Amino acid sequence: MSVRQVKIAEETIVDGRAFPLTLGPAGDSNAASLLEFVRNHKESLLQQALLHGAVLLRGWDLKSAEDFAQIGEALALEKFPYVGGAAPRTNVVRDVVFTTNESPPECPIPFHHEMAQCPTPPSYVLFYCDTPPASGGETPIILSSEVARYFRVKHKAFYEAVKKHGVRYVRVMPSEDDNSSPIGRSWKSTFNAATREEAEAAMKAIGTEWEWLENGDCKTTTAVVPAVKVNEQNGQEMFFNSMVAAYTGWTDSRNDPTKAVILGNGEPVDGDALLDIEKYQIENRVAFKFVASPHCSPTLVPWSF
């Protein structure tokens, strides 16, 4: 099966490369043809995702989450259990397809890397739209190498502090999922635990510190994790973290976002710098719309995007 490169209105050109790289069918557009293509070209697709920052597969007719799961599995990547994440979501298809966030649609989801607050975040993330919205619903992406460059130049002192000390994330989790909050995942769901003892064992295994509150909530402080990484495959420095998301979006009745991320040495982060980086991300993002079947297709994004 052959494909063709497609240009979408939202794409940008960075260092001579399309972001995202959009591919469409040159022949059959059914789900089986896309599955065959992915199986036969999985290595090149992963390399293109690394080179371009994201690959958008548009124009194939995927009819269900099961179709999408098969595409994801065809890439032959290791499945990543959703343990340690903040968003309330549901496992839809065998640890491959999850709902994205079950909080109300008016709750903002700032830029972040998936599970960057965990010691071992996933290497790739795939997006798929089952039911496109009548309005809104864009998926904004931005190249982390560009954000890292901006961070390094505009906020050098804070950049050096983050490089030296890393960061820690602080979050209070309820005992039961709270779908009114974009960070309302309970400690039971977060750590796949039925009891406090099981949760404590899971937290201890990843270096997370905890404090049990009187109402049954759990205040957690992660191990120190890097917020700027170098992609060993291409040598690029990446703004790889959830600092902006935590500082601007980790807010509900239990959490103060301005206290949600600290430097690894316990000192506060530079809030003004994070707000400026957020502004840069919004101004330079690529926000493409998901469209209705037969054009509702997956997006493959490497951890380095």
Protein backbone atom coordinates (compact mmCIF):
# COMPACT_ATOMS: atom_id res chain seq x y z
CA MET A 1 0.00 0.00 0.00
CA SER A 2 1.22 3.52 -0.81
CA VAL A 3 0.63 6.83 0.90
CA ARG A 4 1.09 10.45 -0.04
CA GLN A 5 2.13 13.51 1.92
CA VAL A 6 -0.76 15.85 2.58
CA LYS A 7 -0.59 19.51 3.55
CA ILE A 8 -2.97 20.79 6.21
CA ALA A 9 -3.64 24.46 6.74
CA GLU A 10 -2.42 24.40 10.34
CA GLU A 11 1.04 22.93 9.74
CA THR A 12 4.21 24.96 10.13
CA ILE A 13 7.69 24.49 8.68
CA VAL A 14 10.53 24.18 11.21
CA ASP A 15 14.10 23.72 9.98
CA GLY A 16 12.72 22.84 6.56
CA ARG A 17 10.42 20.10 7.86
CA ALA A 18 6.63 20.00 8.10
CA PHE A 19 5.19 19.98 11.61
CA PRO A 20 3.23 17.81 11.77
CA LEU A 21 4.06 15.57 8.83
CA THR A 22 0.67 14.60 7.42
CA LEU A 23 0.22 11.40 5.44
CA GLY A 24 -2.88 10.26 3.58
CA PRO A 25 -3.94 7.25 1.51
CA ALA A 26 -2.95 7.04 -2.13
CA GLY A 27 -5.38 4.16 -2.62
CA ASP A 28 -7.76 2.34 -0.28
CA SER A 29 -8.76 4.35 2.78
CA ASN A 30 -10.32 1.67 4.95
CA ALA A 31 -8.97 0.74 8.38
CA ALA A 32 -7.49 -2.53 7.10
CA SER A 33 -5.33 -0.69 4.56
CA LEU A 34 -3.97 1.65 7.24
CA LEU A 35 -3.28 -1.31 9.50
CA GLU A 36 -1.32 -2.99 6.73
CA PHE A 37 0.65 0.19 6.07
CA VAL A 38 1.56 0.68 9.73
CA ARG A 39 2.63 -2.94 10.14
CA ASN A 40 4.87 -2.75 7.08
CA HIS A 41 6.34 0.68 7.82
CA LYS A 42 6.39 0.95 11.60
CA GLU A 43 10.10 1.72 11.83
CA SER A 44 9.95 4.48 9.24
CA LEU A 45 6.86 5.97 10.91
CA LEU A 46 8.68 6.13 14.24
CA GLN A 47 11.68 7.74 12.56
CA GLN A 48 9.46 10.28 10.80
CA ALA A 49 7.83 11.12 14.13
CA LEU A 50 11.28 11.73 15.58
CA LEU A 51 12.42 13.79 12.59
CA HIS A 52 9.29 15.92 12.20
CA GLY A 53 8.03 15.96 15.79
CA ALA A 54 4.64 14.45 14.95
CA VAL A 55 2.98 12.38 12.22
CA LEU A 56 -0.69 12.89 11.44
CA LEU A 57 -2.39 10.05 9.53
CA ARG A 58 -5.41 11.60 7.87
CA GLY A 59 -7.94 10.27 5.42
CA TRP A 60 -8.40 6.68 6.57
CA ASP A 61 -11.76 5.48 7.84
CA LEU A 62 -11.35 4.28 11.40
CA LYS A 63 -14.74 3.42 12.83
CA SER A 64 -13.99 2.54 16.43
CA ALA A 65 -11.59 2.62 19.34
CA GLU A 66 -10.80 -1.01 18.48
CA ASP A 67 -9.62 0.07 15.03
CA PHE A 68 -7.39 2.66 16.68
CA ALA A 69 -6.07 0.12 19.20
CA GLN A 70 -5.03 -2.18 16.38
CA ILE A 71 -3.12 0.68 14.73
CA GLY A 72 -1.33 1.40 17.99
CA GLU A 73 -0.48 -2.24 18.52
CA ALA A 74 0.84 -2.51 14.96
CA LEU A 75 3.66 -0.15 15.92
CA ALA A 76 4.92 -2.95 18.21
CA LEU A 77 5.64 -0.55 21.08
CA GLU A 78 5.50 -1.61 24.71
CA LYS A 79 2.15 -0.83 26.31
CA PHE A 80 2.26 1.77 29.05
CA PRO A 81 -0.08 1.32 32.04
CA TYR A 82 -1.61 4.57 33.23
CA VAL A 83 -0.19 4.51 36.76
CA GLY A 84 0.90 7.81 38.29
CA GLY A 85 -1.03 10.17 36.03
CA ALA A 86 -3.31 12.96 37.25
CA ALA A 87 -6.18 12.95 34.74
CA PRO A 88 -9.40 11.07 35.45
CA ARG A 89 -9.70 8.68 32.51
CA THR A 90 -10.98 5.24 31.56
CA ASN A 91 -9.18 2.31 30.00
CA VAL A 92 -11.23 1.72 26.82
CA VAL A 93 -9.27 -0.97 24.96
CA ARG A 94 -6.69 -3.28 26.67
CA ASP A 95 -4.25 -0.65 28.01
CA VAL A 96 -3.87 0.88 24.54
CA VAL A 97 -6.78 3.31 24.27
CA PHE A 98 -7.83 5.55 27.15
CA THR A 99 -10.21 8.46 27.35
CA THR A 100 -8.14 11.62 27.41
CA ASN A 101 -9.61 13.49 30.39
CA GLU A 102 -13.10 13.13 31.80
CA SER A 103 -13.28 16.51 33.51
CA PRO A 104 -15.77 19.10 32.18
CA PRO A 105 -14.86 20.48 28.73
CA GLU A 106 -14.42 24.01 30.06
CA CYS A 107 -11.46 22.87 32.20
CA PRO A 108 -8.23 23.89 30.43
CA ILE A 109 -5.46 21.37 29.80
CA PRO A 110 -2.20 23.33 29.51
CA PHE A 111 0.83 22.13 27.56
CA HIS A 112 2.61 19.19 29.17
CA HIS A 113 4.40 15.96 28.39
CA GLU A 114 2.38 12.90 29.24
CA MET A 115 3.26 11.72 32.77
CA ALA A 116 6.46 13.80 32.87
CA GLN A 117 6.07 13.87 36.64
CA CYS A 118 6.86 10.12 36.70
CA PRO A 119 10.36 8.61 36.63
CA THR A 120 9.65 6.62 33.45
CA PRO A 121 7.19 8.44 31.16
CA PRO A 122 6.03 6.90 27.86
CA SER A 123 8.17 7.27 24.75
CA TYR A 124 5.32 7.89 22.32
CA VAL A 125 1.76 9.16 22.56
CA LEU A 126 -1.01 8.60 20.00
CA PHE A 127 -4.15 10.72 19.72
CA TYR A 128 -7.43 9.77 18.09
CA CYS A 129 -10.84 11.38 17.88
CA ASP A 130 -13.88 9.12 17.96
CA THR A 131 -16.53 11.87 17.94
CA PRO A 132 -15.33 15.25 16.64
CA PRO A 133 -16.77 18.30 18.42
CA ALA A 134 -19.08 20.75 16.70
CA SER A 135 -16.65 23.51 17.66
CA GLY A 136 -13.30 23.70 19.41
CA GLY A 137 -11.54 20.52 20.34
CA GLU A 138 -8.25 21.26 18.61
CA THR A 139 -5.18 19.28 19.62
CA PRO A 140 -2.39 21.82 20.16
CA ILE A 141 1.20 20.60 19.81
CA ILE A 142 4.56 22.35 19.84
CA LEU A 143 8.15 21.24 19.34
CA SER A 144 9.83 20.87 22.70
CA SER A 145 13.22 21.68 21.20
CA GLU A 146 11.90 25.11 20.24
CA VAL A 147 10.52 25.67 23.74
CA ALA A 148 13.84 24.56 25.26
CA ARG A 149 15.67 27.06 23.06
CA TYR A 150 13.34 29.86 24.19
CA PHE A 151 13.71 28.80 27.84
CA ARG A 152 17.50 28.74 27.59
CA VAL A 153 17.75 32.19 25.97
CA LYS A 154 14.99 34.12 27.75
CA HIS A 155 15.22 32.71 31.26
CA LYS A 156 18.82 31.61 31.62
CA ALA A 157 19.06 31.70 35.43
CA PHE A 158 15.89 29.66 35.90
CA TYR A 159 16.97 27.34 33.10
CA GLU A 160 20.28 26.70 34.87
CA ALA A 161 18.50 26.07 38.17
CA VAL A 162 16.14 23.57 36.55
CA LYS A 163 19.01 21.84 34.80
CA LYS A 164 20.96 21.59 38.06
CA HIS A 165 18.22 20.62 40.49
CA GLY A 166 15.38 19.09 38.47
CA VAL A 167 11.84 19.51 39.76
CA ARG A 168 9.31 17.85 42.04
CA TYR A 169 5.53 17.87 41.68
CA VAL A 170 3.14 18.25 44.60
CA ARG A 171 -0.47 17.10 44.35
CA VAL A 172 -3.29 16.29 46.75
CA MET A 173 -5.32 13.32 45.52
CA PRO A 174 -8.82 12.40 46.67
CA SER A 175 -9.70 8.88 47.78
CA GLU A 176 -12.21 8.54 44.93
CA ASP A 177 -12.03 9.88 41.38
CA ASP A 178 -13.29 13.44 41.05
CA ASN A 179 -14.37 13.99 37.45
CA SER A 180 -15.14 17.65 38.13
CA SER A 181 -11.39 18.31 38.21
CA PRO A 182 -8.84 17.87 35.38
CA ILE A 183 -6.45 16.50 38.04
CA GLY A 184 -9.10 14.62 39.99
CA ARG A 185 -7.67 11.13 39.66
CA SER A 186 -7.81 9.45 43.05
CA TRP A 187 -4.84 7.91 44.82
CA LYS A 188 -6.55 4.55 44.39
CA SER A 189 -6.71 4.93 40.60
CA THR A 190 -3.36 6.70 40.35
CA PHE A 191 -1.50 3.85 42.01
CA ASN A 192 -3.87 1.01 41.09
CA ALA A 193 -4.39 0.41 44.79
CA ALA A 194 -7.35 -0.70 46.88
CA THR A 195 -5.77 0.12 50.25
CA ARG A 196 -3.41 2.68 51.73
CA GLU A 197 -0.81 -0.02 52.15
CA GLU A 198 -0.88 -0.88 48.45
CA ALA A 199 -0.68 2.80 47.53
CA GLU A 200 2.27 3.32 49.86
CA ALA A 201 4.11 0.38 48.30
CA ALA A 202 3.53 1.81 44.81
CA MET A 203 4.67 5.28 45.88
CA LYS A 204 7.74 3.95 47.62
CA ALA A 205 8.72 2.06 44.46
CA ILE A 206 8.90 5.29 42.44
CA GLY A 207 10.34 7.54 45.14
CA THR A 208 7.16 9.50 45.85
CA GLU A 209 6.73 10.90 49.36
CA TRP A 210 3.25 10.98 50.87
CA GLU A 211 1.16 12.40 53.70
CA TRP A 212 -2.28 11.08 54.58
CA LEU A 213 -4.75 13.84 55.35
CA GLU A 214 -7.60 13.57 57.86
CA ASN A 215 -10.29 13.48 55.17
CA GLY A 216 -8.71 10.52 53.38
CA ASP A 217 -6.90 12.56 50.73
CA CYS A 218 -3.23 11.90 50.06
CA LYS A 219 -0.67 14.67 49.56
CA THR A 220 2.15 13.44 47.34
CA THR A 221 5.53 14.86 46.41
CA THR A 222 7.29 13.11 43.57
CA ALA A 223 10.91 12.13 43.38
CA VAL A 224 13.18 14.65 41.67
CA VAL A 225 12.74 14.34 37.90
CA PRO A 226 14.48 16.24 35.09
CA ALA A 227 12.61 19.05 33.36
CA VAL A 228 15.10 19.51 30.53
CA LYS A 229 16.25 16.38 28.71
CA VAL A 230 18.48 15.55 25.79
CA ASN A 231 17.02 13.20 23.21
CA GLU A 232 19.76 10.63 22.75
CA GLN A 233 18.50 9.77 19.27
CA ASN A 234 19.07 13.23 17.81
CA GLY A 235 20.99 15.16 20.47
CA GLN A 236 18.34 17.86 20.81
CA GLU A 237 17.60 19.43 24.16
CA MET A 238 13.93 19.20 25.11
CA PHE A 239 11.69 21.17 27.44
CA PHE A 240 10.33 17.92 28.86
CA ASN A 241 8.13 18.43 31.90
CA SER A 242 4.73 19.40 33.27
CA MET A 243 5.88 22.64 34.90
CA VAL A 244 3.58 24.94 32.94
CA ALA A 245 0.63 22.58 33.32
CA ALA A 246 1.18 22.22 37.06
CA TYR A 247 1.78 25.92 37.71
CA THR A 248 -1.19 27.12 35.65
CA GLY A 249 -3.61 24.20 35.63
CA TRP A 250 -3.27 21.94 38.66
CA THR A 251 -6.07 23.69 40.45
CA ASP A 252 -9.15 22.41 42.24
CA SER A 253 -10.60 22.45 45.76
CA ARG A 254 -7.57 20.50 47.01
CA ASN A 255 -4.68 22.05 45.08
CA ASP A 256 -2.99 25.43 44.68
CA PRO A 257 -1.24 25.41 41.28
CA THR A 258 1.41 27.91 42.35
CA LYS A 259 2.63 25.30 44.85
CA ALA A 260 2.27 22.30 42.55
CA VAL A 261 5.84 22.31 41.24
CA ILE A 262 9.08 23.12 43.06
CA LEU A 263 12.76 22.82 42.27
CA GLY A 264 14.41 19.60 43.30
CA ASN A 265 16.19 21.38 46.16
CA GLY A 266 12.86 22.58 47.58
CA GLU A 267 13.11 26.17 46.36
CA PRO A 268 10.17 27.73 44.50
CA VAL A 269 10.08 27.88 40.73
CA ASP A 270 10.09 31.15 38.78
CA GLY A 271 6.38 31.66 38.22
CA ASP A 272 6.81 34.68 35.96
CA ALA A 273 9.11 32.65 33.70
CA LEU A 274 6.58 29.81 33.49
CA LEU A 275 3.81 32.23 32.58
CA ASP A 276 6.02 33.70 29.87
CA ILE A 277 6.81 30.22 28.54
CA GLU A 278 3.09 29.44 28.52
CA LYS A 279 2.53 32.59 26.44
CA TYR A 280 5.27 31.48 24.02
CA GLN A 281 3.72 28.02 23.72
CA ILE A 282 0.27 29.42 22.96
CA GLU A 283 1.62 31.87 20.39
CA ASN A 284 3.69 29.23 18.58
CA ARG A 285 1.50 26.14 18.86
CA VAL A 286 0.03 24.16 16.01
CA ALA A 287 -3.61 23.50 16.82
CA PHE A 288 -5.24 21.23 14.24
CA LYS A 289 -8.83 20.12 14.21
CA PHE A 290 -9.94 16.52 14.25
CA VAL A 291 -12.53 15.97 11.54
CA ALA A 292 -15.32 13.49 11.00
CA SER A 293 -14.92 9.98 9.60
CA PRO A 294 -13.60 8.98 7.11
CA HIS A 295 -10.88 11.44 8.03
CA CYS A 296 -10.72 10.84 11.78
CA SER A 297 -7.24 9.38 12.03
CA PRO A 298 -4.44 8.94 14.55
CA THR A 299 -1.58 11.24 15.39
CA LEU A 300 1.75 9.76 16.45
CA VAL A 301 3.88 11.98 18.66
CA PRO A 302 7.28 10.99 20.09
CA TRP A 303 8.23 11.95 23.64
CA SER A 304 10.53 14.58 22.14
CA PHE A 305 7.83 16.64 20.43
